[in-house]
Amino acid sequence: MINSVGANASDDSEVSHRVLLHGKTGLVIVERDGSVSWQMPWGGIHDIHVLENGHLLTRQGSAKVVEIDPATKAVVWEYDSASANGNAGKRVEVHAFERLADGATMIAESGPARIIEVDRDGKLLHEVKLVVDRPNPHTDTRLVRKLENGHYLVTHEADGIAREYDSQGDVVWEYEVPMFGKASRRGHGPEGFGNRLFSATRLANGNTLIGGGNGHCVLEVTPRKQIVRQIHQDDLPGIRLAWVTTVEVLGNGHWMIGNCHAGPGQPILIEVDPETNEVIWTLDRYDDFGNNVSNSTIIDR
């Protein structure tokens, strides 16, 4: 079943969610009762969105952003960062993108180290250069989001730093994820350790919520870089965090934590009340979806 109730979760069996995720079978929608209502074979991704029209925005291959009509499973729009707007011949990977309110699409291009906004025809509307200390097309960026003030909140995986850029590309705030006095360890699962962060979300209170990647953590950080809430690898009873990916804030204020590469017996999604660290709901479908569920989104939040 979709709910994991017991030592790991609240005993409220009514808690459940509809989830869009990418697993070993491709793109999947899991219903509240645990059934799979929709699926589509698809390669690996690092970002996914459900648009207002019900279409999906995700990645195809390493550098193409596509919009999919789930009713027909057809790609109805695409933009190829490997060749468009000056990138021909360059090494390019795309790990983050977003459809903006004006209809443009924001794309973070690792390799060229820039954020672009393009219209429906692929015309370049805006470009922002990124600061990257350890340049690599695979790790320049992970998730990137445009903020309400027009700035961009960027997670630089290999740098271990979340940076906020203004619309002209100036860094106006940054936060380096600490190592908490530990040495780095190789590995993608719970055995590894580092500060290769995956996601950052600006909260309504002005703080920033960090999905700490191979640091096995979730951090809420103030503008002055103070940690006011934190969850580490073994803080949740019966649960071991591995590569922490997307952290969504639900309508009830709870955090939905993506737990990738955690292995069998561990949930791939964990809903937590950040006020108490109580686990409210988990999704443990290792046998169905595998060990590499790197991205998901809650459809009913």
Protein backbone atom coordinates (compact mmCIF):
# COMPACT_ATOMS: atom_id res chain seq x y z
CA MET A 1 0.00 0.00 0.00
CA ILE A 2 0.99 3.60 -0.45
CA ASN A 3 0.76 4.38 3.28
CA SER A 4 3.47 3.15 5.63
CA VAL A 5 1.83 3.35 9.02
CA GLY A 6 3.44 2.27 12.28
CA ALA A 7 6.81 3.08 13.80
CA ASN A 8 7.66 5.32 10.87
CA ALA A 9 4.44 7.25 10.50
CA SER A 10 1.35 8.74 12.08
CA ASP A 11 -1.41 6.25 12.90
CA ASP A 12 -3.86 8.38 10.90
CA SER A 13 -4.62 5.96 8.08
CA GLU A 14 -6.58 8.66 6.24
CA VAL A 15 -3.35 10.44 5.28
CA SER A 16 -2.48 9.76 1.64
CA HIS A 17 -1.38 11.61 -1.47
CA ARG A 18 -1.42 11.46 -5.24
CA VAL A 19 2.17 11.46 -6.45
CA LEU A 20 3.83 11.99 -9.80
CA LEU A 21 7.30 10.48 -9.79
CA HIS A 22 10.00 8.97 -11.94
CA GLY A 23 11.07 5.43 -11.13
CA LYS A 24 12.61 2.45 -12.88
CA THR A 25 9.49 2.04 -15.05
CA GLY A 26 9.49 5.69 -16.13
CA LEU A 27 6.98 8.41 -15.27
CA VAL A 28 4.21 7.23 -12.95
CA ILE A 29 1.18 8.64 -11.15
CA VAL A 30 0.42 6.83 -7.91
CA GLU A 31 -3.10 7.29 -6.53
CA ARG A 32 -4.04 7.69 -2.87
CA ASP A 33 -4.95 4.00 -2.62
CA GLY A 34 -1.56 2.95 -3.96
CA SER A 35 -2.68 2.07 -7.46
CA VAL A 36 -0.81 3.30 -10.53
CA SER A 37 -3.28 5.24 -12.68
CA TRP A 38 -0.86 6.41 -15.38
CA GLN A 39 2.61 5.54 -16.54
CA MET A 40 4.88 6.27 -19.45
CA PRO A 41 8.32 4.82 -20.26
CA TRP A 42 10.90 7.58 -19.77
CA GLY A 43 14.58 8.10 -19.10
CA GLY A 44 16.12 9.66 -16.02
CA ILE A 45 15.18 13.13 -14.81
CA HIS A 46 16.11 15.61 -12.08
CA ASP A 47 13.08 17.92 -12.27
CA ILE A 48 9.36 17.64 -13.03
CA HIS A 49 6.32 19.92 -12.92
CA VAL A 50 2.58 19.63 -13.46
CA LEU A 51 1.50 22.69 -15.45
CA GLU A 52 -1.79 24.54 -15.07
CA ASN A 53 -3.12 22.86 -18.20
CA GLY A 54 -2.37 19.43 -16.73
CA HIS A 55 0.64 18.83 -18.96
CA LEU A 56 3.97 17.69 -17.57
CA LEU A 57 7.22 19.62 -17.91
CA THR A 58 10.32 17.47 -17.61
CA ARG A 59 13.64 16.51 -19.16
CA GLN A 60 14.33 14.20 -22.09
CA GLY A 61 17.88 12.96 -22.45
CA SER A 62 20.54 15.12 -20.88
CA ALA A 63 19.73 18.54 -22.33
CA LYS A 64 16.20 18.73 -23.73
CA VAL A 65 13.20 20.20 -21.88
CA VAL A 66 9.83 18.86 -23.02
CA GLU A 67 6.14 19.37 -22.31
CA ILE A 68 4.08 16.18 -22.37
CA ASP A 69 0.31 15.86 -22.79
CA PRO A 70 -0.44 12.96 -20.41
CA ALA A 71 -3.72 12.18 -22.20
CA THR A 72 -1.91 11.30 -25.42
CA LYS A 73 1.62 10.79 -24.04
CA ALA A 74 2.79 13.06 -26.85
CA VAL A 75 5.54 15.66 -26.57
CA VAL A 76 3.78 18.91 -27.50
CA TRP A 77 6.72 21.30 -26.96
CA GLU A 78 10.47 20.95 -26.67
CA TYR A 79 13.62 23.01 -26.32
CA ASP A 80 17.05 21.49 -26.89
CA SER A 81 19.75 23.25 -24.87
CA ALA A 82 22.42 21.12 -26.55
CA SER A 83 22.11 23.08 -29.78
CA ALA A 84 20.01 26.22 -29.29
CA ASN A 85 21.03 29.81 -28.61
CA GLY A 86 24.78 29.46 -28.87
CA ASN A 87 25.32 26.02 -27.31
CA ALA A 88 26.15 23.99 -30.43
CA GLY A 89 29.31 21.98 -29.85
CA LYS A 90 29.33 22.58 -26.08
CA ARG A 91 28.84 20.04 -23.30
CA VAL A 92 25.45 20.85 -21.83
CA GLU A 93 23.26 19.19 -19.24
CA VAL A 94 19.92 20.46 -17.95
CA HIS A 95 18.84 19.58 -14.42
CA ALA A 96 16.25 22.28 -13.67
CA PHE A 97 13.56 24.27 -15.45
CA GLU A 98 10.28 26.00 -14.73
CA ARG A 99 7.31 27.38 -16.69
CA LEU A 100 6.89 31.01 -15.65
CA ALA A 101 3.70 32.99 -15.19
CA ASP A 102 4.21 34.89 -18.47
CA GLY A 103 4.42 31.62 -20.42
CA ALA A 104 8.20 31.67 -20.85
CA THR A 105 10.29 28.70 -19.74
CA MET A 106 13.27 29.13 -17.44
CA ILE A 107 16.08 26.65 -18.00
CA ALA A 108 19.28 26.20 -15.99
CA GLU A 109 22.09 25.10 -18.30
CA SER A 110 24.99 23.30 -16.66
CA GLY A 111 28.18 23.49 -18.70
CA PRO A 112 27.45 26.94 -20.16
CA ALA A 113 26.69 27.87 -16.52
CA ARG A 114 23.77 30.13 -17.23
CA ILE A 115 20.04 30.53 -16.66
CA ILE A 116 17.98 31.37 -19.71
CA GLU A 117 14.36 32.23 -20.34
CA VAL A 118 12.89 31.32 -23.72
CA ASP A 119 9.51 31.82 -25.33
CA ARG A 120 7.36 29.19 -27.00
CA ASP A 121 9.37 29.52 -30.20
CA GLY A 122 12.69 29.08 -28.40
CA LYS A 123 13.64 32.74 -28.69
CA LEU A 124 16.09 33.82 -26.00
CA LEU A 125 14.40 36.42 -23.79
CA HIS A 126 16.83 36.69 -20.87
CA GLU A 127 20.17 35.27 -19.80
CA VAL A 128 21.99 35.23 -16.46
CA LYS A 129 25.53 33.96 -16.01
CA LEU A 130 26.20 31.77 -12.98
CA VAL A 131 29.11 31.67 -10.55
CA VAL A 132 30.55 28.15 -10.43
CA ASP A 133 33.61 27.29 -8.36
CA ARG A 134 33.88 23.66 -9.52
CA PRO A 135 32.62 23.68 -13.12
CA ASN A 136 31.23 20.46 -14.52
CA PRO A 137 28.24 19.97 -16.85
CA HIS A 138 26.88 17.27 -14.55
CA THR A 139 27.12 19.19 -11.26
CA ASP A 140 27.04 22.94 -11.96
CA THR A 141 23.40 23.02 -10.84
CA ARG A 142 20.60 20.92 -9.49
CA LEU A 143 17.22 22.49 -8.81
CA VAL A 144 16.70 26.17 -9.67
CA ARG A 145 13.60 28.27 -9.02
CA LYS A 146 12.63 31.81 -9.90
CA LEU A 147 11.49 33.79 -6.88
CA GLU A 148 8.58 36.21 -6.63
CA ASN A 149 11.01 39.15 -6.58
CA GLY A 150 12.42 38.12 -9.97
CA HIS A 151 15.59 36.63 -8.50
CA TYR A 152 16.79 33.06 -9.05
CA LEU A 153 17.53 30.59 -6.25
CA VAL A 154 20.14 28.14 -7.52
CA THR A 155 21.57 25.00 -5.96
CA HIS A 156 25.15 24.39 -7.10
CA GLU A 157 25.69 20.69 -6.40
CA ALA A 158 29.47 20.36 -6.55
CA ASP A 159 30.06 23.74 -4.90
CA GLY A 160 27.78 22.78 -2.01
CA ILE A 161 26.32 26.28 -2.14
CA ALA A 162 22.85 27.74 -2.67
CA ARG A 163 23.09 31.15 -4.34
CA GLU A 164 20.45 33.78 -4.94
CA TYR A 165 21.05 35.83 -8.09
CA ASP A 166 19.26 39.04 -8.99
CA SER A 167 17.87 39.54 -12.48
CA GLN A 168 21.23 40.86 -13.71
CA GLY A 169 23.19 37.88 -12.39
CA ASP A 170 24.70 39.43 -9.26
CA VAL A 171 24.86 37.13 -6.23
CA VAL A 172 22.83 38.78 -3.47
CA TRP A 173 22.83 35.89 -0.97
CA GLU A 174 24.53 32.53 -0.63
CA TYR A 175 24.69 29.68 1.83
CA GLU A 176 27.36 26.99 1.93
CA VAL A 177 26.00 23.77 3.38
CA PRO A 178 28.21 22.77 6.33
CA MET A 179 29.91 19.41 6.73
CA PHE A 180 29.02 19.35 10.46
CA GLY A 181 32.54 18.31 11.40
CA LYS A 182 32.44 15.13 9.31
CA ALA A 183 34.81 13.94 6.61
CA SER A 184 33.51 13.35 3.11
CA ARG A 185 32.80 9.74 2.12
CA ARG A 186 32.23 8.35 -1.34
CA GLY A 187 28.91 6.80 -2.31
CA HIS A 188 25.43 7.70 -3.50
CA GLY A 189 23.61 5.85 -0.74
CA PRO A 190 23.47 6.26 3.05
CA GLU A 191 27.14 5.23 3.28
CA GLY A 192 28.37 8.36 1.50
CA PHE A 193 28.61 11.88 2.89
CA GLY A 194 29.23 15.38 1.65
CA ASN A 195 27.49 18.67 0.93
CA ARG A 196 26.42 18.09 -2.67
CA LEU A 197 23.06 19.73 -2.26
CA PHE A 198 20.05 19.12 -4.50
CA SER A 199 17.31 21.65 -3.77
CA ALA A 200 16.52 25.01 -2.21
CA THR A 201 13.11 26.56 -1.61
CA ARG A 202 12.40 30.08 -0.38
CA LEU A 203 9.77 29.90 2.35
CA ALA A 204 7.03 32.46 3.03
CA ASN A 205 8.85 33.56 6.20
CA GLY A 206 11.96 34.48 4.16
CA ASN A 207 13.98 31.47 5.26
CA THR A 208 15.43 28.96 2.82
CA LEU A 209 14.71 25.24 2.93
CA ILE A 210 17.66 23.11 1.78
CA GLY A 211 17.49 19.54 0.47
CA GLY A 212 21.00 18.49 1.46
CA GLY A 213 21.78 15.82 -1.15
CA ASN A 214 24.46 13.42 0.10
CA GLY A 215 24.57 15.31 3.39
CA HIS A 216 21.44 13.29 4.31
CA CYS A 217 19.76 16.38 5.73
CA VAL A 218 17.05 19.00 5.47
CA LEU A 219 17.93 22.45 6.76
CA GLU A 220 15.85 25.59 7.28
CA VAL A 221 18.20 28.57 7.18
CA THR A 222 17.52 32.24 7.93
CA PRO A 223 18.72 35.11 5.70
CA ARG A 224 21.52 35.52 8.27
CA LYS A 225 22.50 31.87 7.66
CA GLN A 226 21.38 30.52 11.01
CA ILE A 227 19.93 27.00 11.02
CA VAL A 228 16.57 27.13 12.81
CA ARG A 229 15.32 23.64 11.90
CA GLN A 230 17.23 20.57 10.82
CA ILE A 231 16.70 16.89 10.17
CA HIS A 232 19.72 14.60 9.80
CA GLN A 233 20.26 11.05 8.65
CA ASP A 234 18.99 9.14 11.66
CA ASP A 235 16.71 11.70 13.31
CA LEU A 236 13.44 10.09 12.16
CA PRO A 237 12.55 6.83 13.94
CA GLY A 238 13.03 3.77 11.74
CA ILE A 239 14.12 5.87 8.76
CA ARG A 240 17.59 6.42 7.30
CA LEU A 241 18.04 9.38 4.96
CA ALA A 242 20.30 8.91 1.94
CA TRP A 243 20.45 11.38 -0.96
CA VAL A 244 17.88 14.03 0.00
CA THR A 245 16.44 15.50 -3.18
CA THR A 246 13.30 17.58 -3.61
CA VAL A 247 11.75 18.99 -0.44
CA GLU A 248 8.22 20.27 -1.08
CA VAL A 249 6.20 22.38 1.33
CA LEU A 250 2.62 21.10 1.47
CA GLY A 251 -0.46 23.21 2.06
CA ASN A 252 -0.51 22.16 5.72
CA GLY A 253 3.07 23.37 6.19
CA HIS A 254 4.53 19.88 6.32
CA TRP A 255 7.68 18.99 4.41
CA MET A 256 7.67 16.21 1.81
CA ILE A 257 11.22 14.87 1.63
CA GLY A 258 12.59 12.91 -1.33
CA ASN A 259 14.87 10.11 -0.12
CA CYS A 260 16.80 8.76 -3.11
CA HIS A 261 19.33 5.85 -3.14
CA ALA A 262 18.17 4.78 0.34
CA GLY A 263 17.90 1.08 -0.47
CA PRO A 264 15.23 -1.55 0.30
CA GLY A 265 13.15 -1.12 3.42
CA GLN A 266 13.44 2.67 3.35
CA PRO A 267 10.78 5.13 2.10
CA ILE A 268 11.32 7.14 -1.05
CA LEU A 269 9.03 9.93 0.19
CA ILE A 270 8.55 11.12 3.76
CA GLU A 271 6.01 13.68 5.00
CA VAL A 272 7.24 15.36 8.19
CA ASP A 273 5.71 17.95 10.50
CA PRO A 274 8.68 20.37 10.84
CA GLU A 275 7.39 21.67 14.17
CA THR A 276 7.75 18.26 15.83
CA ASN A 277 9.70 16.08 13.35
CA GLU A 278 6.75 13.66 13.49
CA VAL A 279 6.55 11.43 10.43
CA ILE A 280 3.02 11.76 9.05
CA TRP A 281 3.17 9.60 5.90
CA THR A 282 5.66 7.64 3.86
CA LEU A 283 5.80 6.05 0.43
CA ASP A 284 7.88 2.87 0.35
CA ARG A 285 7.72 1.25 -3.08
CA TYR A 286 11.29 0.09 -3.64
CA ASP A 287 10.22 -3.10 -5.42
CA ASP A 288 8.00 -1.15 -7.83
CA PHE A 289 10.05 1.98 -8.48
CA GLY A 290 13.63 1.09 -7.60
CA ASN A 291 16.40 2.92 -5.81
CA ASN A 292 16.74 6.00 -8.06
CA VAL A 293 13.56 8.02 -7.56
CA SER A 294 15.33 11.33 -7.85
CA ASN A 295 12.31 13.54 -8.35
CA SER A 296 8.60 13.64 -7.58
CA THR A 297 5.80 16.09 -6.98
CA ILE A 298 2.66 15.84 -4.87
CA ILE A 299 -0.33 16.47 -7.12
CA ASP A 300 -2.88 17.07 -4.35
CA ARG A 301 -0.95 19.53 -2.17
